[in-house]
PDB file of N, CA and C in Angstrom:
ATOM      1  N   MET A   1     228.225  18.115 129.919  1.00  0.00           N
ATOM      2  CA  MET A   1     228.848  18.228 131.215  1.00  0.00           C
ATOM      3  C   MET A   1     227.983  19.118 132.113  1.00  0.00           C
ATOM      4  N   LYS A   2     227.674  18.624 133.274  1.00  0.00           N
ATOM      5  CA  LYS A   2     226.867  19.385 134.210  1.00  0.00           C
ATOM      6  C   LYS A   2     227.776  20.262 135.062  1.00  0.00           C
ATOM      7  N   THR A   3     227.436  21.531 135.147  1.00  0.00           N
ATOM      8  CA  THR A   3     228.238  22.474 135.907  1.00  0.00           C
ATOM      9  C   THR A   3     227.359  23.167 136.934  1.00  0.00           C
ATOM     10  N   LYS A   4     227.806  23.135 138.179  1.00  0.00           N
ATOM     11  CA  LYS A   4     227.113  23.826 139.257  1.00  0.00           C
ATOM     12  C   LYS A   4     228.098  24.750 139.947  1.00  0.00           C
ATOM     13  N   GLU A   5     227.599  25.877 140.418  1.00  0.00           N
ATOM     14  CA  GLU A   5     228.462  26.809 141.137  1.00  0.00           C
ATOM     15  C   GLU A   5     227.604  27.640 142.081  1.00  0.00           C
ATOM     16  N   ARG A   6     228.095  27.850 143.288  1.00  0.00           N
ATOM     17  CA  ARG A   6     227.428  28.760 144.223  1.00  0.00           C
ATOM     18  C   ARG A   6     227.789  30.169 143.826  1.00  0.00           C
ATOM     19  N   MET A   7     226.771  30.974 143.587  1.00  0.00           N
ATOM     20  CA  MET A   7     226.960  32.384 143.246  1.00  0.00           C
ATOM     21  C   MET A   7     226.073  33.209 144.155  1.00  0.00           C
ATOM     22  N   TYR A   8     226.082  34.496 143.916  1.00  0.00           N
ATOM     23  CA  TYR A   8     225.285  35.414 144.724  1.00  0.00           C
ATOM     24  C   TYR A   8     224.508  36.335 143.797  1.00  0.00           C
ATOM     25  N   VAL A   9     223.295  36.659 144.218  1.00  0.00           N
ATOM     26  CA  VAL A   9     222.410  37.504 143.428  1.00  0.00           C
ATOM     27  C   VAL A   9     221.960  38.678 144.287  1.00  0.00           C
ATOM     28  N   MET A  10     222.105  39.864 143.731  1.00  0.00           N
ATOM     29  CA  MET A  10     221.544  41.038 144.382  1.00  0.00           C
ATOM     30  C   MET A  10     220.387  41.519 143.526  1.00  0.00           C
ATOM     31  N   THR A  11     219.235  41.636 144.126  1.00  0.00           N
ATOM     32  CA  THR A  11     218.111  42.271 143.455  1.00  0.00           C
ATOM     33  C   THR A  11     217.944  43.653 144.071  1.00  0.00           C
ATOM     34  N   ALA A  12     217.629  44.604 143.229  1.00  0.00           N
ATOM     35  CA  ALA A  12     217.521  45.986 143.689  1.00  0.00           C
ATOM     36  C   ALA A  12     216.248  46.614 143.155  1.00  0.00           C
ATOM     37  N   LYS A  13     215.576  47.350 144.025  1.00  0.00           N
ATOM     38  CA  LYS A  13     214.369  48.090 143.645  1.00  0.00           C
ATOM     39  C   LYS A  13     214.686  49.573 143.771  1.00  0.00           C
ATOM     40  N   LEU A  14     214.487  50.295 142.682  1.00  0.00           N
ATOM     41  CA  LEU A  14     214.734  51.737 142.685  1.00  0.00           C
ATOM     42  C   LEU A  14     213.721  52.412 143.608  1.00  0.00           C
ATOM     43  N   VAL A  15     214.219  53.177 144.577  1.00  0.00           N
ATOM     44  CA  VAL A  15     213.331  53.868 145.512  1.00  0.00           C
ATOM     45  C   VAL A  15     213.506  55.381 145.488  1.00  0.00           C
ATOM     46  N   ASN A  16     214.600  55.871 144.882  1.00  0.00           N
ATOM     47  CA  ASN A  16     214.811  57.308 144.861  1.00  0.00           C
ATOM     48  C   ASN A  16     215.623  57.702 143.627  1.00  0.00           C
ATOM     49  N   MET A  17     214.917  58.150 142.611  1.00  0.00           N
ATOM     50  CA  MET A  17     215.568  58.526 141.354  1.00  0.00           C
ATOM     51  C   MET A  17     216.524  59.708 141.550  1.00  0.00           C
ATOM     52  N   LEU A  18     216.182  60.651 142.424  1.00  0.00           N
ATOM     53  CA  LEU A  18     217.059  61.793 142.656  1.00  0.00           C
ATOM     54  C   LEU A  18     218.407  61.365 143.230  1.00  0.00           C
ATOM     55  N   LYS A  19     218.436  60.298 144.018  1.00  0.00           N
ATOM     56  CA  LYS A  19     219.692  59.785 144.547  1.00  0.00           C
ATOM     57  C   LYS A  19     220.400  58.891 143.531  1.00  0.00           C
ATOM     58  N   ALA A  20     219.641  58.308 142.599  1.00  0.00           N
ATOM     59  CA  ALA A  20     220.227  57.438 141.584  1.00  0.00           C
ATOM     60  C   ALA A  20     221.006  58.241 140.538  1.00  0.00           C
ATOM     61  N   VAL A  21     220.528  59.417 140.206  1.00  0.00           N
ATOM     62  CA  VAL A  21     221.147  60.214 139.130  1.00  0.00           C
ATOM     63  C   VAL A  21     222.630  60.489 139.400  1.00  0.00           C
ATOM     64  N   PRO A  22     223.033  60.976 140.580  1.00  0.00           N
ATOM     65  CA  PRO A  22     224.464  61.215 140.780  1.00  0.00           C
ATOM     66  C   PRO A  22     225.275  59.926 140.958  1.00  0.00           C
ATOM     67  N   ALA A  23     224.628  58.823 141.347  1.00  0.00           N
ATOM     68  CA  ALA A  23     225.336  57.558 141.554  1.00  0.00           C
ATOM     69  C   ALA A  23     225.564  56.810 140.245  1.00  0.00           C
ATOM     70  N   ALA A  24     224.686  56.978 139.281  1.00  0.00           N
ATOM     71  CA  ALA A  24     224.733  56.203 138.039  1.00  0.00           C
ATOM     72  C   ALA A  24     226.067  56.305 137.292  1.00  0.00           C
ATOM     73  N   PRO A  25     226.691  57.473 137.172  1.00  0.00           N
ATOM     74  CA  PRO A  25     227.966  57.548 136.453  1.00  0.00           C
ATOM     75  C   PRO A  25     229.102  56.757 137.116  1.00  0.00           C
ATOM     76  N   GLN A  26     228.973  56.464 138.394  1.00  0.00           N
ATOM     77  CA  GLN A  26     229.992  55.709 139.120  1.00  0.00           C
ATOM     78  C   GLN A  26     229.827  54.203 138.932  1.00  0.00           C
ATOM     79  N   TYR A  27     228.669  53.779 138.466  1.00  0.00           N
ATOM     80  CA  TYR A  27     228.345  52.355 138.384  1.00  0.00           C
ATOM     81  C   TYR A  27     229.264  51.568 137.441  1.00  0.00           C
ATOM     82  N   PRO A  28     229.565  52.063 136.232  1.00  0.00           N
ATOM     83  CA  PRO A  28     230.455  51.294 135.338  1.00  0.00           C
ATOM     84  C   PRO A  28     231.824  50.990 135.947  1.00  0.00           C
ATOM     85  N   ALA A  29     232.397  51.932 136.685  1.00  0.00           N
ATOM     86  CA  ALA A  29     233.709  51.688 137.304  1.00  0.00           C
ATOM     87  C   ALA A  29     233.609  50.603 138.370  1.00  0.00           C
ATOM     88  N   TRP A  30     232.512  50.571 139.098  1.00  0.00           N
ATOM     89  CA  TRP A  30     232.320  49.539 140.116  1.00  0.00           C
ATOM     90  C   TRP A  30     232.195  48.165 139.467  1.00  0.00           C
ATOM     91  N   ILE A  31     231.436  48.087 138.369  1.00  0.00           N
ATOM     92  CA  ILE A  31     231.294  46.822 137.636  1.00  0.00           C
ATOM     93  C   ILE A  31     232.651  46.396 137.075  1.00  0.00           C
ATOM     94  N   GLU A  32     233.428  47.332 136.540  1.00  0.00           N
ATOM     95  CA  GLU A  32     234.762  47.004 136.022  1.00  0.00           C
ATOM     96  C   GLU A  32     235.662  46.454 137.125  1.00  0.00           C
ATOM     97  N   ARG A  33     235.525  46.993 138.331  1.00  0.00           N
ATOM     98  CA  ARG A  33     236.306  46.467 139.454  1.00  0.00           C
ATOM     99  C   ARG A  33     235.915  45.018 139.744  1.00  0.00           C
ATOM    100  N   LEU A  34     234.612  44.733 139.759  1.00  0.00           N
ATOM    101  CA  LEU A  34     234.160  43.355 139.967  1.00  0.00           C
ATOM    102  C   LEU A  34     234.695  42.442 138.862  1.00  0.00           C
ATOM    103  N   LYS A  35     234.687  42.929 137.620  1.00  0.00           N
ATOM    104  CA  LYS A  35     235.224  42.146 136.500  1.00  0.00           C
ATOM    105  C   LYS A  35     236.703  41.856 136.700  1.00  0.00           C
ATOM    106  N   SER A  36     237.471  42.869 137.069  1.00  0.00           N
ATOM    107  CA  SER A  36     238.919  42.683 137.227  1.00  0.00           C
ATOM    108  C   SER A  36     239.242  41.722 138.369  1.00  0.00           C
ATOM    109  N   GLU A  37     238.353  41.608 139.346  1.00  0.00           N
ATOM    110  CA  GLU A  37     238.542  40.691 140.466  1.00  0.00           C
ATOM    111  C   GLU A  37     237.972  39.302 140.176  1.00  0.00           C
ATOM    112  N   GLY A  38     237.401  39.111 138.973  1.00  0.00           N
ATOM    113  CA  GLY A  38     236.830  37.821 138.607  1.00  0.00           C
ATOM    114  C   GLY A  38     235.518  37.514 139.303  1.00  0.00           C
ATOM    115  N   LYS A  39     234.839  38.523 139.782  1.00  0.00           N
ATOM    116  CA  LYS A  39     233.602  38.322 140.540  1.00  0.00           C
ATOM    117  C   LYS A  39     232.336  38.559 139.714  1.00  0.00           C
ATOM    118  N   PHE A  40     232.424  39.369 138.688  1.00  0.00           N
ATOM    119  CA  PHE A  40     231.246  39.720 137.894  1.00  0.00           C
ATOM    120  C   PHE A  40     230.800  38.560 137.018  1.00  0.00           C
ATOM    121  N   VAL A  41     229.478  38.322 136.979  1.00  0.00           N
ATOM    122  CA  VAL A  41     228.894  37.333 136.078  1.00  0.00           C
ATOM    123  C   VAL A  41     227.928  38.016 135.114  1.00  0.00           C
ATOM    124  N   ALA A  42     226.955  38.742 135.634  1.00  0.00           N
ATOM    125  CA  ALA A  42     225.966  39.409 134.781  1.00  0.00           C
ATOM    126  C   ALA A  42     225.256  40.489 135.589  1.00  0.00           C
ATOM    127  N   ALA A  43     224.743  41.485 134.884  1.00  0.00           N
ATOM    128  CA  ALA A  43     223.964  42.543 135.525  1.00  0.00           C
ATOM    129  C   ALA A  43     223.010  43.118 134.498  1.00  0.00           C
ATOM    130  N   GLY A  44     221.926  43.661 134.982  1.00  0.00           N
ATOM    131  CA  GLY A  44     220.981  44.314 134.087  1.00  0.00           C
ATOM    132  C   GLY A  44     219.840  44.932 134.858  1.00  0.00           C
ATOM    133  N   LYS A  45     219.106  45.776 134.160  1.00  0.00           N
ATOM    134  CA  LYS A  45     217.968  46.447 134.782  1.00  0.00           C
ATOM    135  C   LYS A  45     216.684  45.725 134.397  1.00  0.00           C
ATOM    136  N   TRP A  46     215.656  45.896 135.223  1.00  0.00           N
ATOM    137  CA  TRP A  46     214.348  45.357 134.858  1.00  0.00           C
ATOM    138  C   TRP A  46     213.828  46.184 133.681  1.00  0.00           C
ATOM    139  N   SER A  47     213.098  45.559 132.810  1.00  0.00           N
ATOM    140  CA  SER A  47     212.634  46.250 131.599  1.00  0.00           C
ATOM    141  C   SER A  47     211.697  47.414 131.908  1.00  0.00           C
ATOM    142  N   ASP A  48     211.090  47.419 133.094  1.00  0.00           N
ATOM    143  CA  ASP A  48     210.224  48.541 133.456  1.00  0.00           C
ATOM    144  C   ASP A  48     210.983  49.635 134.221  1.00  0.00           C
ATOM    145  N   ASN A  49     212.302  49.524 134.287  1.00  0.00           N
ATOM    146  CA  ASN A  49     213.178  50.505 134.939  1.00  0.00           C
ATOM    147  C   ASN A  49     212.938  50.646 136.445  1.00  0.00           C
ATOM    148  N   SER A  50     212.379  49.613 137.069  1.00  0.00           N
ATOM    149  CA  SER A  50     212.087  49.673 138.501  1.00  0.00           C
ATOM    150  C   SER A  50     213.252  49.220 139.374  1.00  0.00           C
ATOM    151  N   GLY A  51     214.347  48.817 138.754  1.00  0.00           N
ATOM    152  CA  GLY A  51     215.505  48.325 139.499  1.00  0.00           C
ATOM    153  C   GLY A  51     216.293  47.382 138.617  1.00  0.00           C
ATOM    154  N   GLY A  52     216.942  46.384 139.243  1.00  0.00           N
ATOM    155  CA  GLY A  52     217.722  45.457 138.445  1.00  0.00           C
ATOM    156  C   GLY A  52     218.272  44.315 139.268  1.00  0.00           C
ATOM    157  N   MET A  53     219.195  43.564 138.651  1.00  0.00           N
ATOM    158  CA  MET A  53     219.764  42.393 139.279  1.00  0.00           C
ATOM    159  C   MET A  53     221.234  42.284 138.910  1.00  0.00           C
ATOM    160  N   LEU A  54     222.020  41.784 139.858  1.00  0.00           N
ATOM    161  CA  LEU A  54     223.442  41.539 139.662  1.00  0.00           C
ATOM    162  C   LEU A  54     223.730  40.111 140.099  1.00  0.00           C
ATOM    163  N   ILE A  55     224.436  39.358 139.276  1.00  0.00           N
ATOM    164  CA  ILE A  55     224.889  38.017 139.625  1.00  0.00           C
ATOM    165  C   ILE A  55     226.404  38.086 139.714  1.00  0.00           C
ATOM    166  N   PHE A  56     226.947  37.580 140.831  1.00  0.00           N
ATOM    167  CA  PHE A  56     228.389  37.688 141.028  1.00  0.00           C
ATOM    168  C   PHE A  56     228.912  36.544 141.896  1.00  0.00           C
ATOM    169  N   ARG A  57     230.224  36.444 141.928  1.00  0.00           N
ATOM    170  CA  ARG A  57     230.900  35.418 142.719  1.00  0.00           C
ATOM    171  C   ARG A  57     231.459  36.049 143.997  1.00  0.00           C
ATOM    172  N   ALA A  58     231.477  35.254 145.054  1.00  0.00           N
ATOM    173  CA  ALA A  58     232.097  35.654 146.320  1.00  0.00           C
ATOM    174  C   ALA A  58     232.430  34.375 147.066  1.00  0.00           C
ATOM    175  N   GLU A  59     233.273  34.486 148.063  1.00  0.00           N
ATOM    176  CA  GLU A  59     233.664  33.321 148.853  1.00  0.00           C
ATOM    177  C   GLU A  59     232.620  32.936 149.883  1.00  0.00           C
ATOM    178  N   SER A  60     231.759  33.901 150.252  1.00  0.00           N
ATOM    179  CA  SER A  60     230.756  33.653 151.284  1.00  0.00           C
ATOM    180  C   SER A  60     229.650  34.696 151.169  1.00  0.00           C
ATOM    181  N   LEU A  61     228.560  34.448 151.862  1.00  0.00           N
ATOM    182  CA  LEU A  61     227.475  35.426 151.894  1.00  0.00           C
ATOM    183  C   LEU A  61     227.962  36.727 152.531  1.00  0.00           C
ATOM    184  N   GLU A  62     228.798  36.618 153.545  1.00  0.00           N
ATOM    185  CA  GLU A  62     229.321  37.821 154.206  1.00  0.00           C
ATOM    186  C   GLU A  62     230.142  38.665 153.228  1.00  0.00           C
ATOM    187  N   GLU A  63     230.997  38.011 152.418  1.00  0.00           N
ATOM    188  CA  GLU A  63     231.767  38.758 151.425  1.00  0.00           C
ATOM    189  C   GLU A  63     230.835  39.377 150.387  1.00  0.00           C
ATOM    190  N   ALA A  64     229.808  38.648 149.987  1.00  0.00           N
ATOM    191  CA  ALA A  64     228.855  39.163 149.001  1.00  0.00           C
ATOM    192  C   ALA A  64     228.175  40.428 149.516  1.00  0.00           C
ATOM    193  N   VAL A  65     227.743  40.392 150.761  1.00  0.00           N
ATOM    194  CA  VAL A  65     227.090  41.565 151.357  1.00  0.00           C
ATOM    195  C   VAL A  65     228.069  42.736 151.418  1.00  0.00           C
ATOM    196  N   ASP A  66     229.323  42.471 151.764  1.00  0.00           N
ATOM    197  CA  ASP A  66     230.331  43.533 151.803  1.00  0.00           C
ATOM    198  C   ASP A  66     230.594  44.126 150.423  1.00  0.00           C
ATOM    199  N   LEU A  67     230.648  43.277 149.388  1.00  0.00           N
ATOM    200  CA  LEU A  67     230.867  43.774 148.022  1.00  0.00           C
ATOM    201  C   LEU A  67     229.746  44.718 147.601  1.00  0.00           C
ATOM    202  N   VAL A  68     228.530  44.347 147.926  1.00  0.00           N
ATOM    203  CA  VAL A  68     227.367  45.137 147.516  1.00  0.00           C
ATOM    204  C   VAL A  68     227.333  46.490 148.219  1.00  0.00           C
ATOM    205  N   LYS A  69     227.935  46.582 149.384  1.00  0.00           N
ATOM    206  CA  LYS A  69     227.980  47.871 150.090  1.00  0.00           C
ATOM    207  C   LYS A  69     228.710  48.933 149.272  1.00  0.00           C
ATOM    208  N   ASP A  70     229.577  48.506 148.332  1.00  0.00           N
ATOM    209  CA  ASP A  70     230.302  49.451 147.483  1.00  0.00           C
ATOM    210  C   ASP A  70     229.548  49.832 146.210  1.00  0.00           C
ATOM    211  N   ASP A  71     228.411  49.208 145.966  1.00  0.00           N
ATOM    212  CA  ASP A  71     227.586  49.562 144.807  1.00  0.00           C
ATOM    213  C   ASP A  71     227.182  51.030 144.964  1.00  0.00           C
ATOM    214  N   PRO A  72     227.479  51.875 143.984  1.00  0.00           N
ATOM    215  CA  PRO A  72     227.149  53.297 144.114  1.00  0.00           C
ATOM    216  C   PRO A  72     225.667  53.561 144.373  1.00  0.00           C
ATOM    217  N   LEU A  73     224.786  52.751 143.814  1.00  0.00           N
ATOM    218  CA  LEU A  73     223.353  52.961 144.030  1.00  0.00           C
ATOM    219  C   LEU A  73     222.946  52.572 145.450  1.00  0.00           C
ATOM    220  N   VAL A  74     223.610  51.561 145.994  1.00  0.00           N
ATOM    221  CA  VAL A  74     223.360  51.165 147.385  1.00  0.00           C
ATOM    222  C   VAL A  74     223.924  52.236 148.324  1.00  0.00           C
ATOM    223  N   LYS A  75     225.164  52.655 148.075  1.00  0.00           N
ATOM    224  CA  LYS A  75     225.812  53.659 148.922  1.00  0.00           C
ATOM    225  C   LYS A  75     225.010  54.956 148.959  1.00  0.00           C
ATOM    226  N   ASN A  76     224.405  55.294 147.838  1.00  0.00           N
ATOM    227  CA  ASN A  76     223.660  56.546 147.737  1.00  0.00           C
ATOM    228  C   ASN A  76     222.203  56.389 148.178  1.00  0.00           C
ATOM    229  N   GLN A  77     221.848  55.200 148.632  1.00  0.00           N
ATOM    230  CA  GLN A  77     220.486  54.896 149.101  1.00  0.00           C
ATOM    231  C   GLN A  77     219.432  55.141 148.023  1.00  0.00           C
ATOM    232  N   ALA A  78     219.799  54.855 146.787  1.00  0.00           N
ATOM    233  CA  ALA A  78     218.870  54.996 145.669  1.00  0.00           C
ATOM    234  C   ALA A  78     218.023  53.738 145.479  1.00  0.00           C
ATOM    235  N   VAL A  79     218.506  52.603 146.015  1.00  0.00           N
ATOM    236  CA  VAL A  79     217.794  51.331 145.851  1.00  0.00           C
ATOM    237  C   VAL A  79     217.646  50.614 147.186  1.00  0.00           C
ATOM    238  N   GLN A  80     216.581  49.830 147.277  1.00  0.00           N
ATOM    239  CA  GLN A  80     216.461  48.827 148.335  1.00  0.00           C
ATOM    240  C   GLN A  80     216.987  47.551 147.712  1.00  0.00           C
ATOM    241  N   HIS A  81     217.780  46.799 148.449  1.00  0.00           N
ATOM    242  CA  HIS A  81     218.388  45.630 147.838  1.00  0.00           C
ATOM    243  C   HIS A  81     218.348  44.427 148.776  1.00  0.00           C
ATOM    244  N   GLU A  82     218.560  43.270 148.162  1.00  0.00           N
ATOM    245  CA  GLU A  82     218.631  42.014 148.891  1.00  0.00           C
ATOM    246  C   GLU A  82     219.704  41.161 148.229  1.00  0.00           C
ATOM    247  N   VAL A  83     220.502  40.475 149.030  1.00  0.00           N
ATOM    248  CA  VAL A  83     221.540  39.581 148.520  1.00  0.00           C
ATOM    249  C   VAL A  83     221.201  38.167 148.957  1.00  0.00           C
ATOM    250  N   LYS A  84     221.215  37.245 147.993  1.00  0.00           N
ATOM    251  CA  LYS A  84     220.922  35.844 148.293  1.00  0.00           C
ATOM    252  C   LYS A  84     221.963  34.942 147.661  1.00  0.00           C
ATOM    253  N   GLU A  85     222.184  33.789 148.303  1.00  0.00           N
ATOM    254  CA  GLU A  85     223.021  32.751 147.718  1.00  0.00           C
ATOM    255  C   GLU A  85     222.207  32.059 146.632  1.00  0.00           C
ATOM    256  N   TRP A  86     222.892  31.689 145.548  1.00  0.00           N
ATOM    257  CA  TRP A  86     222.222  31.050 144.423  1.00  0.00           C
ATOM    258  C   TRP A  86     223.048  29.852 143.986  1.00  0.00           C
ATOM    259  N   ASP A  87     222.435  28.690 143.973  1.00  0.00           N
ATOM    260  CA  ASP A  87     223.096  27.491 143.475  1.00  0.00           C
ATOM    261  C   ASP A  87     222.760  27.371 141.993  1.00  0.00           C
ATOM    262  N   ALA A  88     223.676  27.853 141.164  1.00  0.00           N
ATOM    263  CA  ALA A  88     223.451  27.940 139.717  1.00  0.00           C
ATOM    264  C   ALA A  88     223.738  26.598 139.054  1.00  0.00           C
ATOM    265  N   ASN A  89     222.861  26.197 138.150  1.00  0.00           N
ATOM    266  CA  ASN A  89     223.050  25.023 137.292  1.00  0.00           C
ATOM    267  C   ASN A  89     223.173  25.527 135.867  1.00  0.00           C
ATOM    268  N   PHE A  90     224.302  25.254 135.222  1.00  0.00           N
ATOM    269  CA  PHE A  90     224.509  25.735 133.867  1.00  0.00           C
ATOM    270  C   PHE A  90     224.129  24.714 132.818  1.00  0.00           C
ATOM    271  N   ASP A  91     223.985  23.482 133.204  1.00  0.00           N
ATOM    272  CA  ASP A  91     223.449  22.439 132.342  1.00  0.00           C
ATOM    273  C   ASP A  91     222.406  21.770 133.207  1.00  0.00           C
ATOM    274  N   PHE A  92     221.197  22.276 133.132  1.00  0.00           N
ATOM    275  CA  PHE A  92     220.178  21.995 134.150  1.00  0.00           C
ATOM    276  C   PHE A  92     220.007  20.525 134.456  1.00  0.00           C
ATOM    277  N   GLU A  93     219.955  20.286 135.732  1.00  0.00           N
ATOM    278  CA  GLU A  93     219.721  18.961 136.281  1.00  0.00           C
ATOM    279  C   GLU A  93     218.608  19.116 137.313  1.00  0.00           C
ATOM    280  N   PRO A  94     217.593  18.270 137.284  1.00  0.00           N
ATOM    281  CA  PRO A  94     216.498  18.423 138.264  1.00  0.00           C
ATOM    282  C   PRO A  94     217.037  18.472 139.696  1.00  0.00           C
ATOM    283  N   ILE A  95     216.439  19.339 140.481  1.00  0.00           N
ATOM    284  CA  ILE A  95     216.839  19.518 141.873  1.00  0.00           C
ATOM    285  C   ILE A  95     216.016  18.589 142.741  1.00  0.00           C
ATOM    286  N   GLU A  96     216.686  17.868 143.621  1.00  0.00           N
ATOM    287  CA  GLU A  96     215.984  16.989 144.548  1.00  0.00           C
ATOM    288  C   GLU A  96     215.720  17.752 145.828  1.00  0.00           C
ATOM    289  N   TYR A  97     214.507  17.608 146.327  1.00  0.00           N
ATOM    290  CA  TYR A  97     214.130  18.279 147.590  1.00  0.00           C
ATOM    291  C   TYR A  97     213.935  17.246 148.671  1.00  0.00           C
TER     292      TYR A  97
END
């Protein structure tokens, strides 16, 4: 069965470790909130510790951008980030251009 879903991806680049340290303990609660709202899909850091990525659900790009504003690392200006719409294929099907 082929499954497609529009999701949102935030990529983040760590720019200030001193600002990240006090924000980091708040991050699990924010992720738990996304989980409880059914929005969380996956998150993780880059293996070189330079930042990370979050995949989540939202009704629109505007809602996605608003959700990310509550990310403790974003709020604390510890990361530069970008939010993009992602058309996810879970049972890959070639994309026509």
